[in-house]
Amino acid sequence: MPVAYVTLTPGATAAENDLLGWAADRVLEHAAAPKAVTVLYALPVTAALTFKGNS
């Protein structure tokens, strides 16, 4: 199941349905559109400042 991981600008708020709708409008293949959203304070990165998945 596709999941979107997002960070918000400090002080910003967004409803999960709004984020899912925004993503669905931009993903070309319907099956690839996220079905859930997880809001993170910051994306995990490695020492080389690249995205660290599965953490």
PDB file of N, CA and C in Angstrom:
ATOM      1  N   MET A   1       0.848  -1.168   0.000  1.00  0.00           N
ATOM      2  CA  MET A   1       0.000   0.000   0.000  1.00  0.00           C
ATOM      3  C   MET A   1       0.897   1.235   0.000  1.00  0.00           C
ATOM      4  N   PRO A   2       0.704   2.126  -0.980  1.00  0.00           N
ATOM      5  CA  PRO A   2       1.506   3.355  -1.016  1.00  0.00           C
ATOM      6  C   PRO A   2       1.200   4.264   0.177  1.00  0.00           C
ATOM      7  N   VAL A   3       2.258   4.777   0.778  1.00  0.00           N
ATOM      8  CA  VAL A   3       2.137   5.687   1.916  1.00  0.00           C
ATOM      9  C   VAL A   3       2.964   6.933   1.603  1.00  0.00           C
ATOM     10  N   ALA A   4       2.436   8.094   1.936  1.00  0.00           N
ATOM     11  CA  ALA A   4       3.171   9.341   1.772  1.00  0.00           C
ATOM     12  C   ALA A   4       3.734   9.758   3.124  1.00  0.00           C
ATOM     13  N   TYR A   5       5.003  10.112   3.139  1.00  0.00           N
ATOM     14  CA  TYR A   5       5.644  10.658   4.334  1.00  0.00           C
ATOM     15  C   TYR A   5       5.890  12.132   4.062  1.00  0.00           C
ATOM     16  N   VAL A   6       5.379  12.984   4.916  1.00  0.00           N
ATOM     17  CA  VAL A   6       5.483  14.422   4.693  1.00  0.00           C
ATOM     18  C   VAL A   6       6.012  15.133   5.929  1.00  0.00           C
ATOM     19  N   THR A   7       6.611  16.274   5.693  1.00  0.00           N
ATOM     20  CA  THR A   7       6.953  17.204   6.762  1.00  0.00           C
ATOM     21  C   THR A   7       6.203  18.498   6.462  1.00  0.00           C
ATOM     22  N   LEU A   8       5.755  19.158   7.494  1.00  0.00           N
ATOM     23  CA  LEU A   8       5.033  20.409   7.331  1.00  0.00           C
ATOM     24  C   LEU A   8       5.908  21.577   7.761  1.00  0.00           C
ATOM     25  N   THR A   9       5.664  22.706   7.156  1.00  0.00           N
ATOM     26  CA  THR A   9       6.332  23.935   7.568  1.00  0.00           C
ATOM     27  C   THR A   9       5.950  24.212   9.021  1.00  0.00           C
ATOM     28  N   PRO A  10       6.891  24.640   9.859  1.00  0.00           N
ATOM     29  CA  PRO A  10       6.555  24.918  11.258  1.00  0.00           C
ATOM     30  C   PRO A  10       5.317  25.819  11.371  1.00  0.00           C
ATOM     31  N   GLY A  11       4.382  25.384  12.185  1.00  0.00           N
ATOM     32  CA  GLY A  11       3.143  26.125  12.396  1.00  0.00           C
ATOM     33  C   GLY A  11       2.030  25.777  11.421  1.00  0.00           C
ATOM     34  N   ALA A  12       2.359  25.024  10.367  1.00  0.00           N
ATOM     35  CA  ALA A  12       1.350  24.661   9.371  1.00  0.00           C
ATOM     36  C   ALA A  12       0.551  23.453   9.834  1.00  0.00           C
ATOM     37  N   THR A  13      -0.665  23.357   9.365  1.00  0.00           N
ATOM     38  CA  THR A  13      -1.497  22.191   9.623  1.00  0.00           C
ATOM     39  C   THR A  13      -2.094  21.733   8.303  1.00  0.00           C
ATOM     40  N   ALA A  14      -2.381  20.460   8.211  1.00  0.00           N
ATOM     41  CA  ALA A  14      -3.021  19.913   7.012  1.00  0.00           C
ATOM     42  C   ALA A  14      -3.773  18.658   7.414  1.00  0.00           C
ATOM     43  N   ALA A  15      -4.977  18.519   6.902  1.00  0.00           N
ATOM     44  CA  ALA A  15      -5.769  17.327   7.160  1.00  0.00           C
ATOM     45  C   ALA A  15      -5.308  16.198   6.243  1.00  0.00           C
ATOM     46  N   GLU A  16      -5.376  14.970   6.736  1.00  0.00           N
ATOM     47  CA  GLU A  16      -4.944  13.822   5.942  1.00  0.00           C
ATOM     48  C   GLU A  16      -5.695  13.759   4.615  1.00  0.00           C
ATOM     49  N   ASN A  17      -6.988  13.999   4.626  1.00  0.00           N
ATOM     50  CA  ASN A  17      -7.765  13.946   3.380  1.00  0.00           C
ATOM     51  C   ASN A  17      -7.309  14.992   2.377  1.00  0.00           C
ATOM     52  N   ASP A  18      -6.915  16.172   2.847  1.00  0.00           N
ATOM     53  CA  ASP A  18      -6.409  17.210   1.949  1.00  0.00           C
ATOM     54  C   ASP A  18      -5.099  16.771   1.300  1.00  0.00           C
ATOM     55  N   LEU A  19      -4.210  16.176   2.094  1.00  0.00           N
ATOM     56  CA  LEU A  19      -2.935  15.715   1.553  1.00  0.00           C
ATOM     57  C   LEU A  19      -3.134  14.565   0.571  1.00  0.00           C
ATOM     58  N   LEU A  20      -4.034  13.643   0.892  1.00  0.00           N
ATOM     59  CA  LEU A  20      -4.311  12.526  -0.014  1.00  0.00           C
ATOM     60  C   LEU A  20      -4.902  13.034  -1.328  1.00  0.00           C
ATOM     61  N   GLY A  21      -5.803  13.991  -1.255  1.00  0.00           N
ATOM     62  CA  GLY A  21      -6.383  14.574  -2.464  1.00  0.00           C
ATOM     63  C   GLY A  21      -5.347  15.286  -3.305  1.00  0.00           C
ATOM     64  N   TRP A  22      -4.459  16.035  -2.648  1.00  0.00           N
ATOM     65  CA  TRP A  22      -3.396  16.744  -3.355  1.00  0.00           C
ATOM     66  C   TRP A  22      -2.509  15.750  -4.100  1.00  0.00           C
ATOM     67  N   ALA A  23      -2.127  14.664  -3.425  1.00  0.00           N
ATOM     68  CA  ALA A  23      -1.266  13.655  -4.053  1.00  0.00           C
ATOM     69  C   ALA A  23      -1.990  12.940  -5.186  1.00  0.00           C
ATOM     70  N   ALA A  24      -3.249  12.587  -4.981  1.00  0.00           N
ATOM     71  CA  ALA A  24      -4.009  11.870  -6.011  1.00  0.00           C
ATOM     72  C   ALA A  24      -4.121  12.693  -7.293  1.00  0.00           C
ATOM     73  N   ASP A  25      -4.199  14.008  -7.170  1.00  0.00           N
ATOM     74  CA  ASP A  25      -4.286  14.879  -8.340  1.00  0.00           C
ATOM     75  C   ASP A  25      -2.982  14.927  -9.125  1.00  0.00           C
ATOM     76  N   ARG A  26      -1.871  14.540  -8.497  1.00  0.00           N
ATOM     77  CA  ARG A  26      -0.563  14.682  -9.128  1.00  0.00           C
ATOM     78  C   ARG A  26       0.093  13.369  -9.537  1.00  0.00           C
ATOM     79  N   VAL A  27      -0.421  12.248  -9.053  1.00  0.00           N
ATOM     80  CA  VAL A  27       0.138  10.943  -9.400  1.00  0.00           C
ATOM     81  C   VAL A  27      -0.603  10.432 -10.632  1.00  0.00           C
ATOM     82  N   LEU A  28       0.140  10.086 -11.674  1.00  0.00           N
ATOM     83  CA  LEU A  28      -0.487   9.700 -12.933  1.00  0.00           C
ATOM     84  C   LEU A  28      -1.207   8.367 -12.853  1.00  0.00           C
ATOM     85  N   GLU A  29      -0.657   7.410 -12.137  1.00  0.00           N
ATOM     86  CA  GLU A  29      -1.263   6.086 -12.039  1.00  0.00           C
ATOM     87  C   GLU A  29      -2.058   5.991 -10.740  1.00  0.00           C
ATOM     88  N   HIS A  30      -3.362   5.770 -10.854  1.00  0.00           N
ATOM     89  CA  HIS A  30      -4.239   5.751  -9.684  1.00  0.00           C
ATOM     90  C   HIS A  30      -3.764   4.773  -8.608  1.00  0.00           C
ATOM     91  N   ALA A  31      -3.290   3.592  -9.021  1.00  0.00           N
ATOM     92  CA  ALA A  31      -2.858   2.582  -8.048  1.00  0.00           C
ATOM     93  C   ALA A  31      -1.635   3.039  -7.252  1.00  0.00           C
ATOM     94  N   ALA A  32      -0.876   3.992  -7.782  1.00  0.00           N
ATOM     95  CA  ALA A  32       0.334   4.459  -7.105  1.00  0.00           C
ATOM     96  C   ALA A  32       0.062   5.606  -6.133  1.00  0.00           C
ATOM     97  N   ALA A  33      -1.134   6.152  -6.149  1.00  0.00           N
ATOM     98  CA  ALA A  33      -1.461   7.252  -5.245  1.00  0.00           C
ATOM     99  C   ALA A  33      -1.464   6.746  -3.807  1.00  0.00           C
ATOM    100  N   PRO A  34      -0.946   7.537  -2.871  1.00  0.00           N
ATOM    101  CA  PRO A  34      -0.903   7.093  -1.476  1.00  0.00           C
ATOM    102  C   PRO A  34      -2.296   6.862  -0.911  1.00  0.00           C
ATOM    103  N   LYS A  35      -2.378   5.863  -0.053  1.00  0.00           N
ATOM    104  CA  LYS A  35      -3.626   5.535   0.623  1.00  0.00           C
ATOM    105  C   LYS A  35      -3.610   5.992   2.075  1.00  0.00           C
ATOM    106  N   ALA A  36      -2.439   6.400   2.546  1.00  0.00           N
ATOM    107  CA  ALA A  36      -2.269   6.884   3.917  1.00  0.00           C
ATOM    108  C   ALA A  36      -1.163   7.937   3.930  1.00  0.00           C
ATOM    109  N   VAL A  37      -1.207   8.798   4.946  1.00  0.00           N
ATOM    110  CA  VAL A  37      -0.201   9.851   5.115  1.00  0.00           C
ATOM    111  C   VAL A  37       0.358   9.758   6.520  1.00  0.00           C
ATOM    112  N   THR A  38       1.676   9.841   6.625  1.00  0.00           N
ATOM    113  CA  THR A  38       2.349   9.900   7.916  1.00  0.00           C
ATOM    114  C   THR A  38       3.109  11.218   7.978  1.00  0.00           C
ATOM    115  N   VAL A  39       2.794  12.040   8.967  1.00  0.00           N
ATOM    116  CA  VAL A  39       3.484  13.323   9.128  1.00  0.00           C
ATOM    117  C   VAL A  39       4.674  13.110  10.056  1.00  0.00           C
ATOM    118  N   LEU A  40       5.841  13.539   9.613  1.00  0.00           N
ATOM    119  CA  LEU A  40       7.081  13.429  10.387  1.00  0.00           C
ATOM    120  C   LEU A  40       7.578  14.822  10.732  1.00  0.00           C
ATOM    121  N   TYR A  41       8.248  14.948  11.862  1.00  0.00           N
ATOM    122  CA  TYR A  41       8.858  16.229  12.215  1.00  0.00           C
ATOM    123  C   TYR A  41      10.012  16.549  11.273  1.00  0.00           C
ATOM    124  N   ALA A  42      10.759  15.515  10.876  1.00  0.00           N
ATOM    125  CA  ALA A  42      11.858  15.670   9.925  1.00  0.00           C
ATOM    126  C   ALA A  42      12.070  14.334   9.235  1.00  0.00           C
ATOM    127  N   LEU A  43      12.484  14.377   7.994  1.00  0.00           N
ATOM    128  CA  LEU A  43      12.778  13.136   7.287  1.00  0.00           C
ATOM    129  C   LEU A  43      14.108  12.581   7.792  1.00  0.00           C
ATOM    130  N   PRO A  44      14.183  11.275   8.026  1.00  0.00           N
ATOM    131  CA  PRO A  44      15.447  10.696   8.489  1.00  0.00           C
ATOM    132  C   PRO A  44      16.489  10.740   7.376  1.00  0.00           C
ATOM    133  N   VAL A  45      17.701  11.143   7.724  1.00  0.00           N
ATOM    134  CA  VAL A  45      18.784  11.219   6.753  1.00  0.00           C
ATOM    135  C   VAL A  45      20.018  10.500   7.286  1.00  0.00           C
ATOM    136  N   THR A  46      20.868  10.115   6.361  1.00  0.00           N
ATOM    137  CA  THR A  46      22.141   9.478   6.725  1.00  0.00           C
ATOM    138  C   THR A  46      23.171  10.566   7.028  1.00  0.00           C
ATOM    139  N   ALA A  47      24.373  10.153   7.401  1.00  0.00           N
ATOM    140  CA  ALA A  47      25.453  11.091   7.666  1.00  0.00           C
ATOM    141  C   ALA A  47      25.805  11.902   6.407  1.00  0.00           C
ATOM    142  N   ALA A  48      25.528  11.321   5.223  1.00  0.00           N
ATOM    143  CA  ALA A  48      25.799  12.011   3.961  1.00  0.00           C
ATOM    144  C   ALA A  48      24.623  12.894   3.536  1.00  0.00           C
ATOM    145  N   LEU A  49      23.634  13.049   4.430  1.00  0.00           N
ATOM    146  CA  LEU A  49      22.457  13.886   4.201  1.00  0.00           C
ATOM    147  C   LEU A  49      21.588  13.397   3.033  1.00  0.00           C
ATOM    148  N   THR A  50      21.533  12.085   2.836  1.00  0.00           N
ATOM    149  CA  THR A  50      20.624  11.492   1.880  1.00  0.00           C
ATOM    150  C   THR A  50      19.478  10.845   2.645  1.00  0.00           C
ATOM    151  N   PHE A  51      18.337  10.698   1.990  1.00  0.00           N
ATOM    152  CA  PHE A  51      17.173  10.123   2.646  1.00  0.00           C
ATOM    153  C   PHE A  51      17.456   8.702   3.128  1.00  0.00           C
ATOM    154  N   LYS A  52      17.105   8.416   4.363  1.00  0.00           N
ATOM    155  CA  LYS A  52      17.312   7.094   4.940  1.00  0.00           C
ATOM    156  C   LYS A  52      15.957   6.424   5.052  1.00  0.00           C
ATOM    157  N   GLY A  53      15.656   5.511   4.138  1.00  0.00           N
ATOM    158  CA  GLY A  53      14.383   4.797   4.153  1.00  0.00           C
ATOM    159  C   GLY A  53      14.389   3.672   5.152  1.00  0.00           C
ATOM    160  N   ASN A  54      13.198   3.163   5.471  1.00  0.00           N
ATOM    161  CA  ASN A  54      13.019   2.030   6.384  1.00  0.00           C
ATOM    162  C   ASN A  54      13.624   2.252   7.761  1.00  0.00           C
ATOM    163  N   SER A  55      13.452   3.452   8.296  1.00  0.00           N
ATOM    164  CA  SER A  55      13.988   3.679   9.647  1.00  0.00           C
ATOM    165  C   SER A  55      12.898   3.872  10.647  1.00  0.00           C
TER     166      SER A  55
END
